[in-house]
Amino acid sequence: MTPGAPPAIGTSTILRGRHHGPKWAGYSRTIHYEISGAGRIDYQYCNNTTEGTHGDPHHVVKILTIDLGSH
C-alpha cells in the first residue's frame, strides 16, 4: 500500500550500488523487502507515471525478483 515507506510487517532496505539504481525514468532505487522469513521481493516504484494505454498519471510498483528460498 505504501511502497516508499517501511512495511508494517517484515523489513525493507534500499539497495546500494550502481546496478540497483532506477531502471526506468522516475522510478525509485531497488527496494529489498523481507517477507517475514518466507522470502524476499525486490521492486521499484513510481508515484506518478503515465505508462499504459490511457496515459493517465498513476502509481506503479514493478516487481524485479521474488525469491522464496531460504537465506
Protein backbone atom coordinates (compact mmCIF):
# COMPACT_ATOMS: atom_id res chain seq x y z
CA MET A 1 0.00 0.00 0.00
CA THR A 2 2.93 2.38 0.71
CA PRO A 3 5.98 1.19 -1.26
CA GLY A 4 8.15 4.17 -0.25
CA ALA A 5 7.60 3.70 3.50
CA PRO A 6 8.84 0.95 5.85
CA PRO A 7 6.45 -2.03 5.91
CA ALA A 8 4.18 -2.80 8.87
CA ILE A 9 5.32 -6.45 8.75
CA GLY A 10 8.83 -7.52 7.78
CA THR A 11 11.68 -5.20 6.83
CA SER A 12 12.79 -3.32 3.74
CA THR A 13 16.15 -1.94 2.62
CA ILE A 14 17.03 0.40 -0.24
CA LEU A 15 19.81 -1.41 -2.08
CA ARG A 16 23.04 0.46 -2.79
CA GLY A 17 25.29 0.22 -5.80
CA ARG A 18 25.02 1.42 -9.35
CA HIS A 19 23.20 -1.67 -10.66
CA HIS A 20 20.38 -1.13 -8.11
CA GLY A 21 19.55 2.34 -9.42
CA PRO A 22 16.27 3.16 -11.20
CA LYS A 23 15.69 1.02 -14.29
CA TRP A 24 13.09 3.45 -15.68
CA ALA A 25 12.89 7.24 -15.56
CA GLY A 26 11.07 8.49 -12.44
CA TYR A 27 11.32 5.19 -10.53
CA SER A 28 12.91 4.57 -7.13
CA ARG A 29 16.10 2.67 -6.45
CA THR A 30 15.61 -1.07 -5.88
CA ILE A 31 13.96 -1.89 -2.56
CA HIS A 32 14.61 -5.29 -0.96
CA TYR A 33 11.59 -6.44 1.10
CA GLU A 34 11.96 -9.35 3.53
CA ILE A 35 8.69 -11.29 3.77
CA SER A 36 8.68 -12.34 7.45
CA GLY A 37 11.10 -15.24 6.96
CA ALA A 38 9.25 -16.60 3.92
CA GLY A 39 11.34 -14.97 1.19
CA ARG A 40 12.39 -11.74 -0.47
CA ILE A 41 10.96 -9.38 -3.09
CA ASP A 42 12.98 -6.74 -4.94
CA TYR A 43 10.94 -3.94 -6.51
CA GLN A 44 10.97 -0.37 -7.79
CA TYR A 45 8.07 2.09 -7.66
CA CYS A 46 6.95 5.34 -9.24
CA ASN A 47 4.31 7.61 -7.72
CA ASN A 48 3.44 9.44 -10.92
CA THR A 49 3.92 7.52 -14.17
CA THR A 50 1.95 7.82 -17.39
CA GLU A 51 2.76 4.32 -18.66
CA GLY A 52 -0.09 2.34 -20.17
CA THR A 53 -2.66 2.77 -22.90
CA HIS A 54 -4.57 5.67 -21.33
CA GLY A 55 -1.55 7.81 -20.36
CA ASP A 56 -3.14 8.97 -17.09
CA PRO A 57 -0.79 9.61 -14.11
CA HIS A 58 -0.90 6.77 -11.56
CA HIS A 59 1.19 4.80 -9.03
CA VAL A 60 3.09 1.71 -10.22
CA VAL A 61 5.18 -0.93 -8.45
CA LYS A 62 7.34 -3.16 -10.65
CA ILE A 63 8.50 -6.46 -9.15
CA LEU A 64 12.05 -7.26 -10.23
CA THR A 65 12.61 -10.58 -8.42
CA ILE A 66 10.83 -12.90 -6.00
CA ASP A 67 12.99 -15.33 -4.04
CA LEU A 68 11.17 -17.86 -1.86
CA GLY A 69 14.33 -19.80 -1.00
CA SER A 70 15.95 -19.91 2.40
CA HIS A 71 18.73 -17.47 3.36
